[in-house]
Amino acid sequence: MVSAAEQAVEVRVVGLAGSLRPDSATRMAVRYALRGAEQDGAKASLLDLAGYDLPFLGREREDGSAKAVRSFRVALRAADGIVLGSPEIHGSFSGVLKNALDLAGSEEFEGKMVGLVGVAGGRMGATETLSDLRNVGRSLHAWVVPTQASIGDSGEAFDSRGNPLDREVGERLKEVGRQVAHFARLHKCENHLQFLREWEGAPLNEGGGLKPRSV
């Protein structure tokens, strides 16, 4: 039950999609997860990595690059929760997302809620991507929420409007966003006892997979 004090707390959730293609399944998945955050009362938006035109790590201080990195980090720092989404490439998450995370740091992630979404072209889903992203979240001292979403058969997972074709997949994606927003709100308003009770009571989500055709 959300108290009146908690409802008054503004929560911002942003999404990062580790794909630069505007019509990618990864972007669709992250956007749909952000709908869940909005349902929980958060202000949610996708940070377009293509729009930031981020440099490779090591070139962030070159002319024209420092401003892009600074703008990106400021946007991340202003968020209370972050949804990370990536296609599974060679058994891990994409270089696009890895480079963006390398350009950021603990100042942008420490103590924040992070939700994970993995997308794969095959039927097995993106469990390796989720595992690696969870490790990254821990190394940045973030709280990685229990629910995660692994989506397989990505070419058949969404309709032309970006909605999941499988209802169960859609609910799981929204639950990722809802948990990020919900726990961010509890944490932000310093309701630590309720935060710990609900965190410990959240259902385990080993691997994040569903039935093969659904993920």
N, C-alpha and C. Protein backbone atom coordinates (compact mmCIF):
# COMPACT_ATOMS: atom_id res chain seq x y z
N MET A 1 0.85 -1.19 0.00
CA MET A 1 0.00 0.00 0.00
C MET A 1 0.89 1.24 0.00
N VAL A 2 0.74 2.12 -0.99
CA VAL A 2 1.55 3.32 -1.10
C VAL A 2 0.92 4.43 -0.27
N SER A 3 1.70 5.02 0.63
CA SER A 3 1.19 6.09 1.48
C SER A 3 1.10 7.39 0.70
N ALA A 4 0.39 8.38 1.29
CA ALA A 4 0.26 9.68 0.64
C ALA A 4 1.62 10.35 0.51
N ALA A 5 2.49 10.16 1.52
CA ALA A 5 3.82 10.75 1.47
C ALA A 5 4.64 10.16 0.33
N GLU A 6 4.50 8.86 0.11
CA GLU A 6 5.24 8.21 -0.97
C GLU A 6 4.72 8.65 -2.33
N GLN A 7 3.41 8.82 -2.44
CA GLN A 7 2.82 9.27 -3.70
C GLN A 7 3.30 10.66 -4.08
N ALA A 8 3.63 11.47 -3.10
CA ALA A 8 4.06 12.84 -3.36
C ALA A 8 5.52 12.91 -3.82
N VAL A 9 6.25 11.83 -3.68
CA VAL A 9 7.66 11.81 -4.07
C VAL A 9 7.76 11.60 -5.57
N GLU A 10 8.43 12.53 -6.25
CA GLU A 10 8.61 12.39 -7.70
C GLU A 10 9.75 11.42 -8.00
N VAL A 11 9.47 10.48 -8.87
CA VAL A 11 10.46 9.48 -9.25
C VAL A 11 10.68 9.54 -10.75
N ARG A 12 11.94 9.57 -11.14
CA ARG A 12 12.31 9.59 -12.55
C ARG A 12 13.02 8.28 -12.92
N VAL A 13 12.55 7.66 -13.98
CA VAL A 13 13.15 6.42 -14.47
C VAL A 13 13.54 6.61 -15.93
N VAL A 14 14.77 6.27 -16.27
CA VAL A 14 15.22 6.37 -17.66
C VAL A 14 15.59 4.99 -18.16
N GLY A 15 15.55 4.84 -19.47
CA GLY A 15 15.92 3.58 -20.10
C GLY A 15 17.09 3.75 -21.03
N LEU A 16 17.97 2.76 -21.06
CA LEU A 16 19.09 2.72 -22.01
C LEU A 16 18.95 1.45 -22.83
N ALA A 17 18.90 1.60 -24.13
CA ALA A 17 18.80 0.45 -25.04
C ALA A 17 20.13 0.29 -25.77
N GLY A 18 20.72 -0.87 -25.63
CA GLY A 18 22.02 -1.13 -26.25
C GLY A 18 21.95 -1.46 -27.71
N SER A 19 21.14 -0.73 -28.44
CA SER A 19 21.02 -0.88 -29.89
C SER A 19 20.75 0.51 -30.47
N LEU A 20 21.43 0.83 -31.56
CA LEU A 20 21.26 2.15 -32.17
C LEU A 20 20.18 2.17 -33.23
N ARG A 21 19.64 1.02 -33.59
CA ARG A 21 18.58 0.97 -34.61
C ARG A 21 17.27 1.48 -34.01
N PRO A 22 16.62 2.43 -34.66
CA PRO A 22 15.39 3.00 -34.09
C PRO A 22 14.24 2.01 -34.00
N ASP A 23 14.26 0.96 -34.81
CA ASP A 23 13.16 0.00 -34.80
C ASP A 23 13.57 -1.33 -34.18
N SER A 24 14.61 -1.33 -33.37
CA SER A 24 15.11 -2.59 -32.80
C SER A 24 14.16 -3.14 -31.74
N ALA A 25 14.17 -4.46 -31.59
CA ALA A 25 13.36 -5.11 -30.55
C ALA A 25 13.83 -4.68 -29.16
N THR A 26 15.12 -4.38 -29.04
CA THR A 26 15.63 -3.93 -27.74
C THR A 26 14.99 -2.62 -27.32
N ARG A 27 14.90 -1.68 -28.25
CA ARG A 27 14.25 -0.40 -27.92
C ARG A 27 12.78 -0.61 -27.58
N MET A 28 12.12 -1.44 -28.35
CA MET A 28 10.71 -1.71 -28.07
C MET A 28 10.54 -2.30 -26.68
N ALA A 29 11.43 -3.21 -26.31
CA ALA A 29 11.34 -3.86 -25.00
C ALA A 29 11.57 -2.86 -23.87
N VAL A 30 12.59 -2.02 -24.01
CA VAL A 30 12.88 -1.03 -22.97
C VAL A 30 11.73 -0.02 -22.85
N ARG A 31 11.23 0.43 -23.99
CA ARG A 31 10.10 1.38 -23.96
C ARG A 31 8.89 0.77 -23.26
N TYR A 32 8.65 -0.52 -23.50
CA TYR A 32 7.49 -1.16 -22.88
C TYR A 32 7.72 -1.31 -21.38
N ALA A 33 8.94 -1.59 -20.97
CA ALA A 33 9.25 -1.66 -19.54
C ALA A 33 9.02 -0.30 -18.88
N LEU A 34 9.34 0.76 -19.59
CA LEU A 34 9.14 2.10 -19.05
C LEU A 34 7.66 2.42 -18.84
N ARG A 35 6.80 1.76 -19.61
CA ARG A 35 5.36 1.92 -19.38
C ARG A 35 4.98 1.44 -17.99
N GLY A 36 5.63 0.37 -17.56
CA GLY A 36 5.37 -0.14 -16.21
C GLY A 36 5.77 0.87 -15.16
N ALA A 37 6.91 1.56 -15.39
CA ALA A 37 7.35 2.59 -14.45
C ALA A 37 6.32 3.72 -14.41
N GLU A 38 5.77 4.08 -15.56
CA GLU A 38 4.75 5.14 -15.62
C GLU A 38 3.49 4.70 -14.89
N GLN A 39 3.13 3.42 -15.00
CA GLN A 39 1.95 2.93 -14.29
C GLN A 39 2.12 3.04 -12.78
N ASP A 40 3.36 3.01 -12.33
CA ASP A 40 3.63 3.15 -10.90
C ASP A 40 3.80 4.61 -10.50
N GLY A 41 3.54 5.51 -11.44
CA GLY A 41 3.55 6.94 -11.13
C GLY A 41 4.85 7.66 -11.41
N ALA A 42 5.82 6.97 -12.01
CA ALA A 42 7.10 7.61 -12.30
C ALA A 42 7.06 8.37 -13.62
N LYS A 43 7.94 9.34 -13.75
CA LYS A 43 8.18 9.99 -15.03
C LYS A 43 9.25 9.18 -15.74
N ALA A 44 8.95 8.69 -16.92
CA ALA A 44 9.86 7.77 -17.59
C ALA A 44 10.21 8.25 -18.99
N SER A 45 11.44 8.01 -19.40
CA SER A 45 11.87 8.40 -20.74
C SER A 45 13.05 7.54 -21.18
N LEU A 46 13.19 7.39 -22.48
CA LEU A 46 14.30 6.65 -23.06
C LEU A 46 15.43 7.62 -23.39
N LEU A 47 16.63 7.33 -22.92
CA LEU A 47 17.80 8.10 -23.30
C LEU A 47 18.37 7.49 -24.57
N ASP A 48 18.28 8.21 -25.67
CA ASP A 48 18.67 7.69 -26.98
C ASP A 48 20.18 7.76 -27.15
N LEU A 49 20.85 6.62 -27.07
CA LEU A 49 22.30 6.60 -27.18
C LEU A 49 22.77 7.09 -28.54
N ALA A 50 21.98 6.84 -29.58
CA ALA A 50 22.33 7.33 -30.91
C ALA A 50 22.33 8.86 -30.94
N GLY A 51 21.39 9.46 -30.24
CA GLY A 51 21.29 10.91 -30.21
C GLY A 51 22.43 11.58 -29.47
N TYR A 52 22.99 10.88 -28.48
CA TYR A 52 24.11 11.46 -27.73
C TYR A 52 25.42 11.42 -28.52
N ASP A 53 25.52 10.51 -29.46
CA ASP A 53 26.73 10.39 -30.28
C ASP A 53 27.96 10.28 -29.38
N LEU A 54 27.92 9.30 -28.48
CA LEU A 54 28.99 9.14 -27.50
C LEU A 54 30.27 8.62 -28.14
N PRO A 55 31.41 9.10 -27.68
CA PRO A 55 32.69 8.61 -28.20
C PRO A 55 33.05 7.27 -27.57
N PHE A 56 34.06 6.62 -28.11
CA PHE A 56 34.59 5.44 -27.46
C PHE A 56 35.36 5.86 -26.21
N LEU A 57 35.32 4.98 -25.20
CA LEU A 57 36.08 5.24 -23.99
C LEU A 57 37.55 5.46 -24.34
N GLY A 58 38.14 6.53 -23.80
CA GLY A 58 39.51 6.89 -24.12
C GLY A 58 39.59 8.12 -25.00
N ARG A 59 38.43 8.42 -25.64
CA ARG A 59 38.37 9.62 -26.48
C ARG A 59 37.36 10.63 -25.94
N GLU A 60 36.94 10.42 -24.69
CA GLU A 60 35.88 11.26 -24.14
C GLU A 60 36.34 12.69 -23.84
N ARG A 61 37.64 12.93 -23.86
CA ARG A 61 38.14 14.28 -23.59
C ARG A 61 38.51 15.04 -24.86
N GLU A 62 38.32 14.42 -26.00
CA GLU A 62 38.63 15.08 -27.25
C GLU A 62 37.59 16.15 -27.56
N ASP A 63 37.97 17.09 -28.43
CA ASP A 63 37.06 18.18 -28.80
C ASP A 63 35.75 17.62 -29.34
N GLY A 64 34.65 18.13 -28.83
CA GLY A 64 33.33 17.70 -29.29
C GLY A 64 32.78 16.50 -28.55
N SER A 65 33.64 15.77 -27.84
CA SER A 65 33.19 14.56 -27.14
C SER A 65 32.84 14.82 -25.68
N ALA A 66 33.58 15.70 -25.04
CA ALA A 66 33.38 15.95 -23.61
C ALA A 66 31.96 16.45 -23.32
N LYS A 67 31.43 17.29 -24.18
CA LYS A 67 30.08 17.83 -23.98
C LYS A 67 29.04 16.73 -24.06
N ALA A 68 29.18 15.80 -25.03
CA ALA A 68 28.23 14.71 -25.19
C ALA A 68 28.25 13.80 -23.97
N VAL A 69 29.44 13.48 -23.47
CA VAL A 69 29.56 12.61 -22.30
C VAL A 69 28.98 13.30 -21.07
N ARG A 70 29.28 14.58 -20.91
CA ARG A 70 28.75 15.32 -19.76
C ARG A 70 27.23 15.36 -19.77
N SER A 71 26.64 15.61 -20.94
CA SER A 71 25.19 15.65 -21.07
C SER A 71 24.56 14.31 -20.73
N PHE A 72 25.19 13.24 -21.19
CA PHE A 72 24.70 11.89 -20.93
C PHE A 72 24.76 11.58 -19.44
N ARG A 73 25.86 11.90 -18.81
CA ARG A 73 26.02 11.60 -17.40
C ARG A 73 25.08 12.42 -16.53
N VAL A 74 24.83 13.66 -16.92
CA VAL A 74 23.88 14.51 -16.17
C VAL A 74 22.48 13.92 -16.23
N ALA A 75 22.08 13.43 -17.41
CA ALA A 75 20.76 12.81 -17.56
C ALA A 75 20.63 11.55 -16.71
N LEU A 76 21.68 10.76 -16.66
CA LEU A 76 21.67 9.55 -15.82
C LEU A 76 21.62 9.92 -14.34
N ARG A 77 22.38 10.93 -13.96
CA ARG A 77 22.47 11.32 -12.57
C ARG A 77 21.13 11.84 -12.05
N ALA A 78 20.33 12.41 -12.93
CA ALA A 78 19.04 12.97 -12.52
C ALA A 78 17.98 11.89 -12.31
N ALA A 79 18.27 10.67 -12.73
CA ALA A 79 17.30 9.58 -12.62
C ALA A 79 17.39 8.90 -11.27
N ASP A 80 16.25 8.39 -10.80
CA ASP A 80 16.19 7.60 -9.57
C ASP A 80 16.27 6.12 -9.87
N GLY A 81 15.93 5.76 -11.10
CA GLY A 81 15.97 4.36 -11.52
C GLY A 81 16.33 4.27 -12.98
N ILE A 82 16.94 3.15 -13.36
CA ILE A 82 17.43 2.97 -14.73
C ILE A 82 17.06 1.57 -15.22
N VAL A 83 16.49 1.50 -16.42
CA VAL A 83 16.23 0.21 -17.08
C VAL A 83 17.29 0.02 -18.16
N LEU A 84 18.06 -1.05 -18.04
CA LEU A 84 19.08 -1.37 -19.03
C LEU A 84 18.58 -2.50 -19.92
N GLY A 85 18.66 -2.29 -21.22
CA GLY A 85 18.24 -3.33 -22.17
C GLY A 85 19.31 -3.55 -23.22
N SER A 86 19.49 -4.80 -23.60
CA SER A 86 20.52 -5.08 -24.61
C SER A 86 20.18 -6.33 -25.40
N PRO A 87 20.56 -6.35 -26.68
CA PRO A 87 20.53 -7.61 -27.41
C PRO A 87 21.67 -8.49 -26.92
N GLU A 88 21.50 -9.78 -26.99
CA GLU A 88 22.59 -10.69 -26.64
C GLU A 88 23.46 -10.89 -27.87
N ILE A 89 24.72 -10.50 -27.74
CA ILE A 89 25.67 -10.60 -28.85
C ILE A 89 26.91 -11.36 -28.38
N HIS A 90 27.21 -12.46 -29.04
CA HIS A 90 28.37 -13.29 -28.67
C HIS A 90 28.36 -13.65 -27.19
N GLY A 91 27.18 -13.96 -26.68
CA GLY A 91 27.07 -14.44 -25.30
C GLY A 91 27.15 -13.37 -24.24
N SER A 92 26.94 -12.10 -24.60
CA SER A 92 26.96 -11.04 -23.59
C SER A 92 26.18 -9.85 -24.13
N PHE A 93 26.22 -8.73 -23.39
CA PHE A 93 25.48 -7.56 -23.85
C PHE A 93 26.31 -6.78 -24.88
N SER A 94 25.66 -5.85 -25.55
CA SER A 94 26.25 -5.20 -26.72
C SER A 94 27.38 -4.24 -26.36
N GLY A 95 28.27 -4.01 -27.33
CA GLY A 95 29.34 -3.04 -27.16
C GLY A 95 28.81 -1.63 -27.04
N VAL A 96 27.69 -1.37 -27.67
CA VAL A 96 27.06 -0.04 -27.58
C VAL A 96 26.73 0.29 -26.13
N LEU A 97 26.10 -0.65 -25.44
CA LEU A 97 25.74 -0.42 -24.04
C LEU A 97 26.98 -0.45 -23.14
N LYS A 98 27.91 -1.36 -23.43
CA LYS A 98 29.13 -1.46 -22.62
C LYS A 98 29.90 -0.14 -22.66
N ASN A 99 30.02 0.44 -23.84
CA ASN A 99 30.76 1.70 -23.95
C ASN A 99 30.06 2.82 -23.19
N ALA A 100 28.72 2.87 -23.28
CA ALA A 100 27.97 3.89 -22.55
C ALA A 100 28.15 3.74 -21.05
N LEU A 101 28.12 2.51 -20.56
CA LEU A 101 28.31 2.28 -19.13
C LEU A 101 29.74 2.58 -18.71
N ASP A 102 30.69 2.30 -19.58
CA ASP A 102 32.09 2.62 -19.27
C ASP A 102 32.32 4.12 -19.15
N LEU A 103 31.54 4.90 -19.90
CA LEU A 103 31.67 6.35 -19.85
C LEU A 103 31.00 6.94 -18.61
N ALA A 104 30.13 6.15 -17.98
CA ALA A 104 29.48 6.57 -16.74
C ALA A 104 30.25 5.97 -15.56
N GLY A 105 29.69 6.04 -14.39
CA GLY A 105 30.37 5.49 -13.23
C GLY A 105 29.46 5.37 -12.03
N SER A 106 30.06 5.15 -10.87
CA SER A 106 29.26 4.94 -9.67
C SER A 106 28.45 6.18 -9.28
N GLU A 107 28.89 7.36 -9.67
CA GLU A 107 28.13 8.57 -9.36
C GLU A 107 26.75 8.53 -10.00
N GLU A 108 26.64 7.87 -11.14
CA GLU A 108 25.36 7.79 -11.84
C GLU A 108 24.51 6.61 -11.37
N PHE A 109 25.13 5.61 -10.73
CA PHE A 109 24.40 4.38 -10.41
C PHE A 109 24.30 4.04 -8.93
N GLU A 110 25.21 4.51 -8.11
CA GLU A 110 25.27 4.05 -6.74
C GLU A 110 23.97 4.34 -5.98
N GLY A 111 23.42 3.28 -5.37
CA GLY A 111 22.20 3.40 -4.58
C GLY A 111 20.92 3.49 -5.38
N LYS A 112 21.01 3.40 -6.71
CA LYS A 112 19.81 3.52 -7.55
C LYS A 112 19.26 2.14 -7.92
N MET A 113 17.98 2.15 -8.29
CA MET A 113 17.33 0.92 -8.74
C MET A 113 17.62 0.70 -10.23
N VAL A 114 17.96 -0.53 -10.58
CA VAL A 114 18.25 -0.87 -11.97
C VAL A 114 17.44 -2.10 -12.36
N GLY A 115 16.74 -2.02 -13.50
CA GLY A 115 16.01 -3.16 -14.04
C GLY A 115 16.68 -3.64 -15.32
N LEU A 116 16.57 -4.94 -15.59
CA LEU A 116 17.29 -5.54 -16.70
C LEU A 116 16.36 -6.19 -17.72
N VAL A 117 16.67 -5.95 -18.99
CA VAL A 117 15.92 -6.54 -20.10
C VAL A 117 16.93 -7.07 -21.11
N GLY A 118 16.79 -8.32 -21.51
CA GLY A 118 17.66 -8.92 -22.52
C GLY A 118 16.86 -9.43 -23.69
N VAL A 119 17.40 -9.26 -24.89
CA VAL A 119 16.70 -9.64 -26.12
C VAL A 119 17.62 -10.51 -26.96
N ALA A 120 17.09 -11.59 -27.50
CA ALA A 120 17.90 -12.50 -28.32
C ALA A 120 17.13 -12.94 -29.55
N GLY A 121 17.86 -13.22 -30.62
CA GLY A 121 17.22 -13.69 -31.84
C GLY A 121 16.80 -15.15 -31.75
N GLY A 122 17.48 -15.93 -30.94
CA GLY A 122 17.16 -17.35 -30.79
C GLY A 122 16.13 -17.60 -29.71
N ARG A 123 15.70 -18.86 -29.64
CA ARG A 123 14.63 -19.20 -28.70
C ARG A 123 15.10 -19.32 -27.26
N MET A 124 16.40 -19.42 -27.03
CA MET A 124 16.91 -19.62 -25.68
C MET A 124 16.86 -18.35 -24.84
N GLY A 125 16.67 -17.20 -25.47
CA GLY A 125 16.61 -15.97 -24.70
C GLY A 125 17.98 -15.38 -24.44
N ALA A 126 18.03 -14.42 -23.53
CA ALA A 126 19.25 -13.63 -23.31
C ALA A 126 19.73 -13.74 -21.87
N THR A 127 19.80 -14.95 -21.34
CA THR A 127 20.17 -15.13 -19.94
C THR A 127 21.62 -14.72 -19.65
N GLU A 128 22.51 -14.92 -20.62
CA GLU A 128 23.90 -14.52 -20.39
C GLU A 128 24.02 -13.00 -20.30
N THR A 129 23.28 -12.32 -21.16
CA THR A 129 23.25 -10.85 -21.12
C THR A 129 22.76 -10.36 -19.76
N LEU A 130 21.69 -10.95 -19.26
CA LEU A 130 21.14 -10.54 -17.97
C LEU A 130 22.11 -10.81 -16.84
N SER A 131 22.79 -11.94 -16.89
CA SER A 131 23.76 -12.27 -15.85
C SER A 131 24.91 -11.27 -15.83
N ASP A 132 25.42 -10.94 -17.01
CA ASP A 132 26.53 -9.99 -17.09
C ASP A 132 26.11 -8.59 -16.64
N LEU A 133 24.90 -8.16 -17.04
CA LEU A 133 24.42 -6.85 -16.63
C LEU A 133 24.18 -6.78 -15.12
N ARG A 134 23.75 -7.89 -14.55
CA ARG A 134 23.54 -7.91 -13.09
C ARG A 134 24.89 -7.74 -12.38
N ASN A 135 25.93 -8.35 -12.90
CA ASN A 135 27.26 -8.18 -12.32
C ASN A 135 27.72 -6.73 -12.42
N VAL A 136 27.45 -6.10 -13.57
CA VAL A 136 27.82 -4.70 -13.74
C VAL A 136 27.07 -3.82 -12.74
N GLY A 137 25.77 -4.09 -12.57
CA GLY A 137 24.99 -3.32 -11.61
C GLY A 137 25.54 -3.42 -10.21
N ARG A 138 25.92 -4.64 -9.81
CA ARG A 138 26.50 -4.82 -8.48
C ARG A 138 27.82 -4.07 -8.35
N SER A 139 28.65 -4.12 -9.40
CA SER A 139 29.95 -3.45 -9.33
C SER A 139 29.81 -1.93 -9.22
N LEU A 140 28.69 -1.40 -9.72
CA LEU A 140 28.42 0.04 -9.64
C LEU A 140 27.64 0.41 -8.38
N HIS A 141 27.44 -0.58 -7.49
CA HIS A 141 26.75 -0.38 -6.21
C HIS A 141 25.29 0.03 -6.40
N ALA A 142 24.67 -0.50 -7.44
CA ALA A 142 23.25 -0.26 -7.68
C ALA A 142 22.44 -1.40 -7.08
N TRP A 143 21.13 -1.14 -6.89
CA TRP A 143 20.20 -2.19 -6.48
C TRP A 143 19.54 -2.74 -7.76
N VAL A 144 19.88 -3.96 -8.13
CA VAL A 144 19.28 -4.57 -9.32
C VAL A 144 18.02 -5.30 -8.90
N VAL A 145 16.86 -4.87 -9.42
CA VAL A 145 15.58 -5.40 -8.94
C VAL A 145 15.45 -6.89 -9.27
N PRO A 146 14.68 -7.63 -8.47
CA PRO A 146 14.58 -9.08 -8.64
C PRO A 146 14.03 -9.52 -10.00
N THR A 147 13.00 -8.84 -10.49
CA THR A 147 12.40 -9.26 -11.75
C THR A 147 13.23 -8.78 -12.93
N GLN A 148 13.46 -9.67 -13.89
CA GLN A 148 14.15 -9.32 -15.11
C GLN A 148 13.42 -9.98 -16.28
N ALA A 149 13.66 -9.51 -17.49
CA ALA A 149 12.93 -10.02 -18.65
C ALA A 149 13.91 -10.50 -19.72
N SER A 150 13.73 -11.75 -20.13
CA SER A 150 14.52 -12.33 -21.21
C SER A 150 13.58 -12.64 -22.37
N ILE A 151 13.86 -12.08 -23.52
CA ILE A 151 12.97 -12.22 -24.67
C ILE A 151 13.70 -12.94 -25.80
N GLY A 152 13.16 -14.06 -26.23
CA GLY A 152 13.70 -14.79 -27.35
C GLY A 152 12.88 -14.57 -28.60
N ASP A 153 13.36 -15.12 -29.74
CA ASP A 153 12.65 -14.94 -31.01
C ASP A 153 12.30 -13.48 -31.23
N SER A 154 13.29 -12.61 -31.08
CA SER A 154 13.02 -11.17 -31.06
C SER A 154 12.36 -10.65 -32.33
N GLY A 155 12.62 -11.32 -33.46
CA GLY A 155 12.02 -10.88 -34.71
C GLY A 155 10.51 -11.08 -34.75
N GLU A 156 10.01 -11.93 -33.84
CA GLU A 156 8.58 -12.21 -33.80
C GLU A 156 7.94 -11.78 -32.49
N ALA A 157 8.68 -11.02 -31.67
CA ALA A 157 8.21 -10.73 -30.31
C ALA A 157 7.29 -9.52 -30.23
N PHE A 158 7.37 -8.58 -31.21
CA PHE A 158 6.61 -7.34 -31.12
C PHE A 158 5.84 -7.08 -32.41
N ASP A 159 4.72 -6.35 -32.25
CA ASP A 159 3.98 -5.95 -33.45
C ASP A 159 4.55 -4.64 -33.99
N SER A 160 3.94 -4.10 -35.02
CA SER A 160 4.47 -2.91 -35.69
C SER A 160 4.41 -1.67 -34.80
N ARG A 161 3.59 -1.70 -33.75
CA ARG A 161 3.47 -0.56 -32.83
C ARG A 161 4.37 -0.70 -31.60
N GLY A 162 5.16 -1.77 -31.56
CA GLY A 162 6.07 -1.97 -30.44
C GLY A 162 5.47 -2.66 -29.25
N ASN A 163 4.31 -3.30 -29.43
CA ASN A 163 3.68 -4.03 -28.34
C ASN A 163 4.04 -5.50 -28.41
N PRO A 164 4.34 -6.13 -27.28
CA PRO A 164 4.66 -7.55 -27.27
C PRO A 164 3.49 -8.39 -27.76
N LEU A 165 3.78 -9.37 -28.58
CA LEU A 165 2.73 -10.24 -29.09
C LEU A 165 2.28 -11.24 -28.03
N ASP A 166 3.14 -11.53 -27.10
CA ASP A 166 2.81 -12.45 -26.02
C ASP A 166 2.46 -11.64 -24.77
N ARG A 167 1.29 -11.86 -24.24
CA ARG A 167 0.82 -11.08 -23.09
C ARG A 167 1.70 -11.27 -21.87
N GLU A 168 2.19 -12.49 -21.67
CA GLU A 168 3.03 -12.77 -20.51
C GLU A 168 4.35 -12.00 -20.59
N VAL A 169 4.90 -11.91 -21.80
CA VAL A 169 6.12 -11.13 -22.00
C VAL A 169 5.87 -9.66 -21.66
N GLY A 170 4.75 -9.13 -22.13
CA GLY A 170 4.41 -7.74 -21.85
C GLY A 170 4.29 -7.47 -20.37
N GLU A 171 3.66 -8.37 -19.64
CA GLU A 171 3.50 -8.19 -18.20
C GLU A 171 4.84 -8.25 -17.48
N ARG A 172 5.72 -9.14 -17.94
CA ARG A 172 7.03 -9.23 -17.30
C ARG A 172 7.83 -7.95 -17.54
N LEU A 173 7.78 -7.42 -18.76
CA LEU A 173 8.49 -6.18 -19.06
C LEU A 173 7.97 -5.04 -18.19
N LYS A 174 6.65 -4.93 -18.09
CA LYS A 174 6.08 -3.86 -17.26
C LYS A 174 6.44 -4.05 -15.80
N GLU A 175 6.52 -5.29 -15.35
CA GLU A 175 6.86 -5.53 -13.95
C GLU A 175 8.30 -5.08 -13.65
N VAL A 176 9.19 -5.22 -14.62
CA VAL A 176 10.55 -4.70 -14.44
C VAL A 176 10.48 -3.19 -14.17
N GLY A 177 9.75 -2.47 -15.01
CA GLY A 177 9.62 -1.03 -14.82
C GLY A 177 8.92 -0.65 -13.54
N ARG A 178 7.87 -1.41 -13.20
CA ARG A 178 7.13 -1.12 -11.96
C ARG A 178 8.02 -1.30 -10.74
N GLN A 179 8.82 -2.37 -10.72
CA GLN A 179 9.69 -2.60 -9.57
C GLN A 179 10.75 -1.52 -9.45
N VAL A 180 11.31 -1.09 -10.58
CA VAL A 180 12.30 -0.02 -10.53
C VAL A 180 11.69 1.24 -9.92
N ALA A 181 10.51 1.61 -10.39
CA ALA A 181 9.85 2.83 -9.88
C ALA A 181 9.44 2.67 -8.42
N HIS A 182 8.86 1.53 -8.09
CA HIS A 182 8.36 1.31 -6.74
C HIS A 182 9.47 1.34 -5.70
N PHE A 183 10.53 0.57 -5.94
CA PHE A 183 11.61 0.53 -4.97
C PHE A 183 12.39 1.84 -4.94
N ALA A 184 12.47 2.53 -6.08
CA ALA A 184 13.12 3.85 -6.10
C ALA A 184 12.36 4.82 -5.22
N ARG A 185 11.04 4.74 -5.25
CA ARG A 185 10.23 5.64 -4.43
C ARG A 185 10.43 5.36 -2.94
N LEU A 186 10.40 4.08 -2.57
CA LEU A 186 10.60 3.72 -1.17
C LEU A 186 11.99 4.17 -0.69
N HIS A 187 12.96 3.96 -1.54
CA HIS A 187 14.33 4.31 -1.18
C HIS A 187 14.50 5.82 -1.08
N LYS A 188 13.86 6.54 -1.99
CA LYS A 188 14.01 8.00 -2.03
C LYS A 188 13.34 8.67 -0.84
N CYS A 189 12.21 8.12 -0.40
CA CYS A 189 11.51 8.73 0.73
C CYS A 189 11.99 8.14 2.06
N GLU A 190 13.06 7.36 2.00
CA GLU A 190 13.72 6.80 3.19
C GLU A 190 12.81 5.89 4.00
N ASN A 191 11.90 5.21 3.32
CA ASN A 191 11.07 4.21 4.00
C ASN A 191 11.83 2.88 3.95
N HIS A 192 12.96 2.83 4.66
CA HIS A 192 13.87 1.71 4.52
C HIS A 192 13.30 0.39 5.04
N LEU A 193 12.52 0.46 6.12
CA LEU A 193 11.96 -0.78 6.66
C LEU A 193 11.02 -1.43 5.66
N GLN A 194 10.13 -0.63 5.06
CA GLN A 194 9.22 -1.19 4.06
C GLN A 194 10.00 -1.64 2.84
N PHE A 195 11.03 -0.87 2.46
CA PHE A 195 11.87 -1.24 1.32
C PHE A 195 12.46 -2.63 1.52
N LEU A 196 13.05 -2.87 2.69
CA LEU A 196 13.68 -4.16 2.95
C LEU A 196 12.67 -5.29 3.02
N ARG A 197 11.51 -5.02 3.64
CA ARG A 197 10.47 -6.06 3.72
C ARG A 197 10.01 -6.47 2.33
N GLU A 198 9.73 -5.48 1.47
CA GLU A 198 9.21 -5.79 0.15
C GLU A 198 10.30 -6.37 -0.75
N TRP A 199 11.53 -5.89 -0.58
CA TRP A 199 12.64 -6.43 -1.38
C TRP A 199 12.86 -7.90 -1.06
N GLU A 200 12.89 -8.21 0.24
CA GLU A 200 13.10 -9.60 0.65
C GLU A 200 11.93 -10.48 0.28
N GLY A 201 10.73 -9.90 0.16
CA GLY A 201 9.55 -10.68 -0.18
C GLY A 201 9.28 -10.78 -1.66
N ALA A 202 10.07 -10.09 -2.48
CA ALA A 202 9.86 -10.13 -3.93
C ALA A 202 10.17 -11.53 -4.45
N PRO A 203 9.38 -12.03 -5.42
CA PRO A 203 9.61 -13.38 -5.93
C PRO A 203 10.95 -13.50 -6.64
N LEU A 204 11.61 -14.63 -6.43
CA LEU A 204 12.87 -14.88 -7.11
C LEU A 204 12.62 -15.04 -8.60
N ASN A 205 13.61 -14.65 -9.38
CA ASN A 205 13.47 -14.70 -10.84
C ASN A 205 14.75 -15.26 -11.43
N GLU A 206 15.00 -16.54 -11.18
CA GLU A 206 16.23 -17.16 -11.65
C GLU A 206 16.28 -17.20 -13.17
N GLY A 207 17.20 -16.44 -13.74
CA GLY A 207 17.42 -16.47 -15.20
C GLY A 207 16.49 -15.61 -15.99
N GLY A 208 15.29 -15.35 -15.50
CA GLY A 208 14.37 -14.45 -16.18
C GLY A 208 13.69 -15.04 -17.39
N GLY A 209 13.77 -16.34 -17.59
CA GLY A 209 13.20 -16.93 -18.78
C GLY A 209 11.76 -17.35 -18.60
N LEU A 210 11.03 -17.43 -19.71
CA LEU A 210 9.68 -17.94 -19.73
C LEU A 210 9.69 -19.16 -20.65
N LYS A 211 8.54 -19.64 -21.02
CA LYS A 211 8.49 -20.73 -21.97
C LYS A 211 9.15 -20.30 -23.27
N PRO A 212 9.79 -21.22 -24.00
CA PRO A 212 10.61 -20.84 -25.15
C PRO A 212 9.98 -19.88 -26.12
N ARG A 213 8.74 -20.10 -26.53
CA ARG A 213 8.13 -19.24 -27.53
C ARG A 213 7.74 -17.88 -26.95
N SER A 214 7.66 -17.77 -25.61
CA SER A 214 7.22 -16.53 -24.99
C SER A 214 8.38 -15.58 -24.70
N VAL A 215 9.56 -16.11 -24.49
CA VAL A 215 10.66 -15.24 -24.15
C VAL A 215 11.41 -14.81 -25.38
